[in-house]
Amino acid sequence: MLLPFPVSANTVQISRYTTQNNRVTLRAKVLDQDNIPIQGLTRQNFQIQTTNEQGNVINPEDIKFDLLPPERQLHPDPVYLTILLDMSGSMRRQDAAKNQKLSGAVSAINKFIDTASQQNIPIKLALVPFGYRGQGQCNYLYEVDEKTIASQSPFLDIRDNALKKQLQDLSNVPTCASTNLYDPLRIATSYLRKTYTDSISQIDENPIKPRLSLILLSDGYDGASQEKFKSLQTTLGQTLQITIHTYAYGESLQQLRDRSSCDKVISNEELNTELLSKHCKLPNEDIREYIIDEPILQNLASSTGGIYKLSANADEVSKSLTNFLTTLREYEIVYRQPGADRATNHTTKLKVNSPTLGLNITSQPVNIRMSNFAYASLILTQRLHILLFTTLLGITGVIIFTQWSKHLKHQI
């Protein structure tokens, strides 16, 4: 049984909002069918659909707003990110570019760290290697539990040189462990959730909540029992949202089938890891070391709003990690809420229309509640009129006072 698998489609989502007086700021993300952010949209592509204090729909053309595109966003949300790095024996093998997979993965993560640092994205990163005991002898095991994460893979600032040192050490490991995907995912997710809870301010009433993300970088599959998968489902189904991105490193099931010798014809429709491992072989190699469980990895990502990507070489892995950074920046829309008053509620949706990109989508409605303490900000012309009136009133008062003073002096 897989996690609920959503239908792939372009979407627009209002991720959060803030209010100040009658001013509303929306943060929104526009995603393609692979959950990758769509960039390059302009103000002409957006439309705000909202209601007044009586619940009546406002004409969208009457709502003026400013748009700040993702690339101009100066303060992206803070992020707690865990990268699970596969340290199984198959990572010794070469990728499509004839480079060792482990070296390629380490190189891609290094580039990711450099890019995130250059973009000043506030990321706390925990780099968690994983590799479990299998049938053969292996002296380099990375069996994950919350204690080992806390002691060996704590969350560090993305600019901390200790991350680069950890990657350098891992790149020299002669990997030999077996793949276990479900246990490290479940444990790392639980640890991430607890760390987040401990980081919440108990004083600030409206803190910007950090995003919680996990990246799984693996070239293998897990043939474990359904009980382990159900345990992972339970963890992921808890209330606190964690986005899981799964990056597979290797070749597709179709590519592997086509270059192997199979004793049974397996169509694309029925192709899966079980049939491939049972009926297909590679000369002088164990085909299981090349199998990637694409359906499971894609399902894990899609069900949590994350990105799934299959990469054949280190450059593609690096590009996939860079795509993750684009998810941290969103469109920012600022407008004045028509009919706003203290504690009024306004049902609001965001529509995106771009014939060029084939977009005609509307977000789910959100209920925007205005602050209990609010006042309507005056526009510039109103402020100038008040300033002019106040100045004239002040000058008139001075003149009257001066004339009155002179009159008193003449009487004395």
Protein backbone atom coordinates (compact mmCIF):
# COMPACT_ATOMS: atom_id res chain seq x y z
CA MET A 1 0.00 0.00 0.00
CA LEU A 2 1.45 3.34 -1.10
CA LEU A 3 0.94 6.77 0.33
CA PRO A 4 -1.95 8.73 -1.27
CA PHE A 5 -0.69 9.64 -4.72
CA PRO A 6 -1.97 13.03 -5.89
CA VAL A 7 -2.80 13.71 -9.51
CA SER A 8 0.06 15.63 -11.10
CA ALA A 9 -0.96 19.11 -12.24
CA ASN A 10 0.18 22.70 -12.15
CA THR A 11 -0.87 24.36 -8.90
CA VAL A 12 -0.85 27.72 -7.12
CA GLN A 13 -0.84 27.73 -3.32
CA ILE A 14 -1.10 30.53 -0.77
CA SER A 15 1.49 29.33 1.72
CA ARG A 16 0.92 32.05 4.31
CA TYR A 17 -0.20 35.64 4.83
CA THR A 18 0.42 38.56 7.17
CA THR A 19 -1.69 41.65 7.87
CA GLN A 20 -0.80 45.13 9.04
CA ASN A 21 -3.69 47.57 9.35
CA ASN A 22 -5.56 47.16 6.03
CA ARG A 23 -2.47 45.89 4.23
CA VAL A 24 -2.21 42.18 3.33
CA THR A 25 0.95 40.36 2.24
CA LEU A 26 0.48 36.99 0.56
CA ARG A 27 3.26 34.44 0.03
CA ALA A 28 2.42 32.11 -2.85
CA LYS A 29 4.11 29.36 -4.82
CA VAL A 30 3.30 28.30 -8.36
CA LEU A 31 4.38 24.72 -9.11
CA ASP A 32 4.52 22.57 -12.21
CA GLN A 33 3.36 18.95 -12.31
CA ASP A 34 6.67 17.82 -10.77
CA ASN A 35 6.34 20.27 -7.83
CA ILE A 36 9.15 22.43 -9.27
CA PRO A 37 8.49 26.20 -8.88
CA ILE A 38 7.48 28.10 -12.01
CA GLN A 39 9.42 31.35 -12.26
CA GLY A 40 9.19 34.33 -14.60
CA LEU A 41 5.56 35.28 -13.90
CA THR A 42 4.64 38.99 -13.80
CA ARG A 43 1.92 41.04 -12.15
CA GLN A 44 -0.23 40.67 -15.28
CA ASN A 45 -0.38 36.91 -14.66
CA PHE A 46 -1.93 37.24 -11.18
CA GLN A 47 -5.41 38.12 -9.98
CA ILE A 48 -6.66 38.46 -6.40
CA GLN A 49 -10.17 37.21 -5.68
CA THR A 50 -11.43 38.32 -2.26
CA THR A 51 -14.52 39.42 -0.35
CA ASN A 52 -15.47 42.54 1.62
CA GLU A 53 -16.63 42.66 5.25
CA GLN A 54 -20.16 41.55 4.23
CA GLY A 55 -18.80 38.54 2.35
CA ASN A 56 -19.54 39.97 -1.09
CA VAL A 57 -17.05 39.28 -3.87
CA ILE A 58 -14.87 42.23 -4.88
CA ASN A 59 -14.22 42.92 -8.56
CA PRO A 60 -10.60 41.72 -9.02
CA GLU A 61 -9.91 44.63 -11.37
CA ASP A 62 -10.53 47.04 -8.48
CA ILE A 63 -7.71 45.53 -6.40
CA LYS A 64 -4.33 47.13 -6.98
CA PHE A 65 -1.31 45.17 -5.81
CA ASP A 66 2.47 44.97 -5.94
CA LEU A 67 4.32 41.78 -6.91
CA LEU A 68 7.76 40.80 -5.69
CA PRO A 69 9.07 37.85 -7.76
CA PRO A 70 11.01 35.04 -6.06
CA GLU A 71 14.41 36.10 -7.40
CA ARG A 72 14.05 39.53 -5.75
CA GLN A 73 13.04 38.16 -2.36
CA LEU A 74 15.59 39.37 0.17
CA HIS A 75 14.52 37.32 3.18
CA PRO A 76 13.56 33.73 2.38
CA ASP A 77 12.14 31.68 5.22
CA PRO A 78 14.58 29.81 7.49
CA VAL A 79 14.93 26.11 6.73
CA TYR A 80 15.81 22.99 8.69
CA LEU A 81 17.12 20.54 6.11
CA THR A 82 18.28 16.95 6.50
CA ILE A 83 20.18 15.29 3.64
CA LEU A 84 20.17 11.49 3.84
CA LEU A 85 23.18 10.24 1.86
CA ASP A 86 23.23 6.61 0.73
CA MET A 87 26.46 4.86 1.80
CA SER A 88 25.59 1.41 0.46
CA GLY A 89 28.04 -0.69 -1.53
CA SER A 90 26.43 0.18 -4.87
CA MET A 91 27.62 3.78 -4.45
CA ARG A 92 31.10 2.48 -5.37
CA ARG A 93 29.90 1.89 -8.91
CA GLN A 94 30.16 4.33 -11.80
CA ASP A 95 27.41 6.59 -13.07
CA ALA A 96 26.59 7.34 -16.71
CA ALA A 97 29.57 9.72 -16.91
CA LYS A 98 31.95 6.98 -15.67
CA ASN A 99 32.46 8.70 -12.30
CA GLN A 100 32.06 6.97 -8.95
CA LYS A 101 28.57 7.68 -7.62
CA LEU A 102 29.72 8.53 -4.09
CA SER A 103 32.23 11.07 -5.43
CA GLY A 104 29.54 12.51 -7.68
CA ALA A 105 27.07 12.80 -4.81
CA VAL A 106 29.63 14.48 -2.53
CA SER A 107 30.57 16.92 -5.31
CA ALA A 108 26.91 17.79 -5.90
CA ILE A 109 26.26 18.43 -2.19
CA ASN A 110 29.37 20.63 -2.01
CA LYS A 111 28.07 22.72 -4.91
CA PHE A 112 24.68 22.91 -3.22
CA ILE A 113 26.28 24.24 -0.01
CA ASP A 114 28.25 26.84 -1.97
CA THR A 115 25.18 28.02 -3.89
CA ALA A 116 22.99 28.26 -0.78
CA SER A 117 25.73 30.23 1.00
CA GLN A 118 26.09 32.65 -1.92
CA GLN A 119 22.33 33.24 -1.97
CA ASN A 120 22.30 33.92 1.80
CA ILE A 121 19.57 31.36 2.44
CA PRO A 122 19.21 30.70 6.19
CA ILE A 123 19.58 26.91 6.18
CA LYS A 124 20.40 24.66 9.10
CA LEU A 125 21.73 21.46 7.54
CA ALA A 126 22.13 17.98 9.01
CA LEU A 127 24.10 15.63 6.77
CA VAL A 128 23.12 12.06 7.68
CA PRO A 129 24.89 9.11 5.97
CA PHE A 130 23.06 5.78 6.08
CA GLY A 131 24.10 2.20 5.37
CA TYR A 132 23.01 -0.95 7.19
CA ARG A 133 24.36 -4.41 7.88
CA GLY A 134 23.66 -6.91 5.13
CA GLN A 135 24.68 -10.47 4.38
CA GLY A 136 28.35 -9.72 3.71
CA GLN A 137 31.09 -8.40 5.96
CA CYS A 138 31.24 -4.59 6.15
CA ASN A 139 33.28 -2.39 8.48
CA TYR A 140 31.64 0.88 7.41
CA LEU A 141 28.10 0.91 8.71
CA TYR A 142 25.93 3.98 9.23
CA GLU A 143 22.91 2.69 11.11
CA VAL A 144 20.79 5.72 11.89
CA ASP A 145 19.07 6.52 15.17
CA GLU A 146 18.27 9.83 16.83
CA LYS A 147 21.30 9.64 19.12
CA THR A 148 23.74 9.20 16.23
CA ILE A 149 22.13 12.08 14.34
CA ALA A 150 22.40 14.35 17.39
CA SER A 151 26.03 13.42 18.09
CA GLN A 152 27.45 12.89 14.59
CA SER A 153 25.14 14.85 12.29
CA PRO A 154 23.79 17.87 14.20
CA PHE A 155 22.11 20.76 12.43
CA LEU A 156 24.78 23.26 11.40
CA ASP A 157 24.66 26.60 9.63
CA ILE A 158 25.07 26.09 5.88
CA ARG A 159 28.33 28.11 6.03
CA ASP A 160 29.89 25.95 8.75
CA ASN A 161 33.14 24.42 7.46
CA ALA A 162 32.41 21.28 9.48
CA LEU A 163 29.94 20.26 6.76
CA LYS A 164 32.66 20.31 4.10
CA LYS A 165 34.95 18.35 6.40
CA GLN A 166 32.25 15.72 6.95
CA LEU A 167 31.73 15.39 3.19
CA GLN A 168 35.46 15.01 2.62
CA ASP A 169 35.62 12.21 5.17
CA LEU A 170 32.65 10.41 3.61
CA SER A 171 34.08 10.64 0.10
CA ASN A 172 37.01 8.42 1.16
CA VAL A 173 34.87 5.62 2.61
CA PRO A 174 35.00 2.25 0.77
CA THR A 175 31.24 1.77 0.86
CA CYS A 176 30.00 -1.77 1.50
CA ALA A 177 26.75 -1.52 3.47
CA SER A 178 23.23 -2.53 2.43
CA THR A 179 20.40 -0.17 1.53
CA ASN A 180 17.68 0.52 4.08
CA LEU A 181 15.48 3.46 3.08
CA TYR A 182 12.53 3.27 5.46
CA ASP A 183 14.27 3.29 8.84
CA PRO A 184 16.54 6.31 8.25
CA LEU A 185 13.64 8.22 6.66
CA ARG A 186 11.38 7.53 9.63
CA ILE A 187 14.05 8.31 12.23
CA ALA A 188 15.36 11.45 10.49
CA THR A 189 11.81 12.75 10.06
CA SER A 190 11.08 12.25 13.75
CA TYR A 191 14.35 13.94 14.75
CA LEU A 192 13.65 16.86 12.42
CA ARG A 193 10.20 17.33 13.94
CA LYS A 194 11.54 17.32 17.52
CA THR A 195 14.36 19.73 16.67
CA TYR A 196 11.85 22.11 15.12
CA THR A 197 9.62 21.99 18.20
CA ASP A 198 12.57 22.87 20.43
CA SER A 199 13.50 25.81 18.17
CA ILE A 200 10.14 27.62 18.41
CA SER A 201 10.26 30.87 20.35
CA GLN A 202 8.12 30.84 23.49
CA ILE A 203 8.12 34.66 23.64
CA ASP A 204 7.48 35.88 20.10
CA GLU A 205 3.78 35.43 19.36
CA ASN A 206 4.19 35.48 15.57
CA PRO A 207 7.54 33.92 14.70
CA ILE A 208 8.34 33.02 11.10
CA LYS A 209 8.18 29.26 11.30
CA PRO A 210 11.13 27.49 9.66
CA ARG A 211 10.38 25.12 6.83
CA LEU A 212 11.12 21.47 7.40
CA SER A 213 12.63 19.58 4.47
CA LEU A 214 14.38 16.29 3.93
CA ILE A 215 16.37 15.21 0.86
CA LEU A 216 16.95 11.51 0.22
CA LEU A 217 19.85 10.87 -2.17
CA SER A 218 20.08 7.18 -3.04
CA ASP A 219 20.90 4.80 -5.88
CA GLY A 220 19.11 1.74 -4.49
CA TYR A 221 15.87 0.26 -3.29
CA ASP A 222 14.60 -1.31 -0.10
CA GLY A 223 13.00 -4.73 -0.21
CA ALA A 224 11.88 -4.51 3.41
CA SER A 225 8.52 -5.68 4.68
CA GLN A 226 5.28 -3.73 4.45
CA GLU A 227 5.38 -3.22 8.23
CA LYS A 228 8.38 -0.90 7.90
CA PHE A 229 6.70 1.04 5.14
CA LYS A 230 3.52 1.40 7.22
CA SER A 231 5.61 2.69 10.13
CA LEU A 232 7.05 5.32 7.81
CA GLN A 233 3.55 6.22 6.62
CA THR A 234 2.48 6.77 10.23
CA THR A 235 5.40 9.12 10.85
CA LEU A 236 4.77 11.11 7.68
CA GLY A 237 1.06 11.30 8.45
CA GLN A 238 1.55 13.29 11.64
CA THR A 239 0.37 16.87 11.74
CA LEU A 240 3.64 18.76 11.36
CA GLN A 241 4.40 19.10 7.65
CA ILE A 242 7.76 17.88 6.41
CA THR A 243 8.49 18.02 2.69
CA ILE A 244 10.48 15.06 1.39
CA HIS A 245 12.47 15.37 -1.84
CA THR A 246 13.77 12.11 -3.31
CA TYR A 247 16.71 12.18 -5.72
CA ALA A 248 17.54 8.87 -7.35
CA TYR A 249 21.06 8.43 -8.72
CA GLY A 250 21.40 5.92 -11.54
CA GLU A 251 19.34 4.55 -14.41
CA SER A 252 15.63 3.98 -14.83
CA LEU A 253 14.00 0.57 -14.57
CA GLN A 254 13.40 0.63 -18.34
CA GLN A 255 17.05 1.38 -19.08
CA LEU A 256 18.20 -1.38 -16.75
CA ARG A 257 15.76 -3.89 -18.25
CA ASP A 258 16.87 -3.02 -21.79
CA ARG A 259 20.55 -3.69 -21.09
CA SER A 260 19.98 -6.89 -19.12
CA SER A 261 19.14 -10.45 -20.13
CA CYS A 262 15.59 -11.41 -19.09
CA ASP A 263 13.96 -14.83 -19.19
CA LYS A 264 10.55 -13.20 -19.48
CA VAL A 265 9.15 -10.33 -21.52
CA ILE A 266 8.32 -7.49 -19.11
CA SER A 267 6.29 -4.61 -20.55
CA ASN A 268 6.64 -1.03 -19.35
CA GLU A 269 3.20 -1.24 -17.76
CA GLU A 270 4.04 -4.24 -15.55
CA LEU A 271 7.71 -3.39 -14.93
CA ASN A 272 8.64 -3.18 -11.24
CA THR A 273 11.58 -3.94 -8.97
CA GLU A 274 10.35 -7.42 -8.05
CA LEU A 275 9.94 -8.65 -11.65
CA LEU A 276 13.22 -7.08 -12.71
CA SER A 277 15.25 -8.70 -9.92
CA LYS A 278 13.54 -12.07 -10.42
CA HIS A 279 13.67 -12.44 -14.22
CA CYS A 280 16.59 -10.28 -15.41
CA LYS A 281 20.36 -10.64 -14.99
CA LEU A 282 23.52 -8.74 -15.81
CA PRO A 283 26.72 -10.52 -16.87
CA ASN A 284 29.08 -10.89 -13.89
CA GLU A 285 27.11 -8.38 -11.79
CA ASP A 286 24.25 -8.40 -9.31
CA ILE A 287 21.37 -6.56 -10.96
CA ARG A 288 19.96 -5.66 -7.53
CA GLU A 289 22.83 -3.20 -7.03
CA TYR A 290 21.49 -1.17 -9.96
CA ILE A 291 17.77 -1.25 -9.22
CA ILE A 292 16.09 1.97 -8.09
CA ASP A 293 12.57 1.77 -6.70
CA GLU A 294 11.23 4.69 -8.72
CA PRO A 295 7.52 4.28 -7.82
CA ILE A 296 8.23 4.34 -4.08
CA LEU A 297 10.60 7.32 -4.30
CA GLN A 298 8.24 9.25 -6.54
CA ASN A 299 5.32 8.50 -4.26
CA LEU A 300 7.19 9.62 -1.13
CA ALA A 301 8.03 12.95 -2.77
CA SER A 302 4.66 13.63 -4.39
CA SER A 303 2.64 12.77 -1.29
CA THR A 304 4.52 15.38 0.77
CA GLY A 305 4.67 18.08 -1.94
CA GLY A 306 8.32 17.36 -2.71
CA ILE A 307 10.36 16.85 -5.87
CA TYR A 308 11.34 13.48 -7.32
CA LYS A 309 14.17 13.39 -9.85
CA LEU A 310 16.18 10.60 -11.45
CA SER A 311 19.72 11.71 -12.30
CA ALA A 312 22.21 9.79 -14.41
CA ASN A 313 25.35 11.71 -13.40
CA ALA A 314 26.76 14.16 -10.85
CA ASP A 315 25.89 17.25 -12.91
CA GLU A 316 22.23 16.22 -12.98
CA VAL A 317 22.28 15.55 -9.22
CA SER A 318 23.74 19.02 -8.67
CA LYS A 319 21.00 20.58 -10.81
CA SER A 320 18.36 18.69 -8.84
CA LEU A 321 19.72 20.05 -5.56
CA THR A 322 19.70 23.57 -7.01
CA ASN A 323 16.03 23.09 -7.92
CA PHE A 324 15.40 22.50 -4.22
CA LEU A 325 16.68 26.01 -3.47
CA THR A 326 14.07 27.50 -5.81
CA THR A 327 11.34 26.03 -3.57
CA LEU A 328 12.49 28.30 -0.73
CA ARG A 329 11.62 31.52 -2.57
CA GLU A 330 8.03 32.44 -3.39
CA TYR A 331 5.99 35.17 -5.02
CA GLU A 332 5.08 37.97 -2.62
CA ILE A 333 1.89 39.95 -3.26
CA VAL A 334 0.97 43.09 -1.31
CA TYR A 335 -2.42 44.82 -1.49
CA ARG A 336 -4.93 46.80 0.60
CA GLN A 337 -7.89 44.69 1.65
CA PRO A 338 -11.18 46.29 0.53
CA GLY A 339 -13.64 46.68 3.41
CA ALA A 340 -11.03 45.83 6.02
CA ASP A 341 -11.79 46.62 9.65
CA ARG A 342 -10.72 45.27 13.01
CA ALA A 343 -10.99 41.44 13.08
CA THR A 344 -12.93 41.18 9.81
CA ASN A 345 -12.64 37.97 7.77
CA HIS A 346 -12.11 37.83 4.03
CA THR A 347 -12.19 34.69 1.86
CA THR A 348 -9.33 35.03 -0.60
CA LYS A 349 -8.07 33.09 -3.62
CA LEU A 350 -5.23 33.69 -6.04
CA LYS A 351 -5.61 33.08 -9.77
CA VAL A 352 -2.72 32.64 -12.20
CA ASN A 353 -3.29 32.96 -15.93
CA SER A 354 -0.46 32.61 -18.47
CA PRO A 355 -1.45 31.38 -21.96
CA THR A 356 2.24 31.21 -22.88
CA LEU A 357 2.95 28.71 -20.10
CA GLY A 358 -0.42 27.00 -20.36
CA LEU A 359 -1.49 28.16 -16.89
CA ASN A 360 -5.07 28.88 -15.85
CA ILE A 361 -5.19 27.84 -12.21
CA THR A 362 -6.75 29.05 -8.96
CA SER A 363 -5.61 28.39 -5.41
CA GLN A 364 -7.69 26.91 -2.65
CA PRO A 365 -9.44 29.67 -0.65
CA VAL A 366 -7.90 30.92 2.58
CA ASN A 367 -9.64 32.90 5.29
CA ILE A 368 -7.72 36.10 5.95
CA ARG A 369 -8.47 37.62 9.34
CA MET A 370 -7.48 41.23 9.86
CA SER A 371 -5.73 42.34 13.02
CA ASN A 372 -7.71 43.30 16.13
CA PHE A 373 -5.79 46.57 16.16
CA ALA A 374 -6.07 48.18 12.77
CA TYR A 375 -6.38 51.52 11.09
CA ALA A 376 -6.60 52.42 7.44
CA SER A 377 -3.36 53.84 6.10
CA LEU A 378 -3.87 57.07 4.17
CA ILE A 379 -2.69 57.46 0.61
CA LEU A 380 -0.11 60.14 -0.28
CA THR A 381 -2.59 62.73 -1.59
CA GLN A 382 -4.67 62.45 1.58
CA ARG A 383 -1.56 62.91 3.70
CA LEU A 384 -0.57 66.01 1.69
CA HIS A 385 -4.03 67.53 2.11
CA ILE A 386 -3.90 66.98 5.87
CA LEU A 387 -0.36 68.42 6.04
CA LEU A 388 -1.42 71.49 4.04
CA PHE A 389 -4.50 72.02 6.19
CA THR A 390 -2.50 71.62 9.41
CA THR A 391 0.17 74.04 8.18
CA LEU A 392 -2.39 76.68 7.20
CA LEU A 393 -4.16 76.24 10.53
CA GLY A 394 -0.87 76.68 12.36
CA ILE A 395 0.06 79.81 10.40
CA THR A 396 -3.40 81.28 11.02
CA GLY A 397 -3.03 80.59 14.75
CA VAL A 398 0.37 82.31 14.83
CA ILE A 399 -1.00 85.37 13.02
CA ILE A 400 -3.99 85.63 15.37
CA PHE A 401 -1.72 85.24 18.43
CA THR A 402 0.68 87.92 17.11
CA GLN A 403 -2.13 90.39 16.46
CA TRP A 404 -3.61 89.70 19.90
CA SER A 405 -0.21 90.29 21.56
CA LYS A 406 0.21 93.61 19.76
CA HIS A 407 -3.27 94.67 20.81
CA LEU A 408 -2.49 93.94 24.47
CA LYS A 409 0.74 95.94 24.31
CA HIS A 410 -1.10 98.99 22.92
CA GLN A 411 -3.58 98.82 25.79
CA ILE A 412 -0.89 98.86 28.49
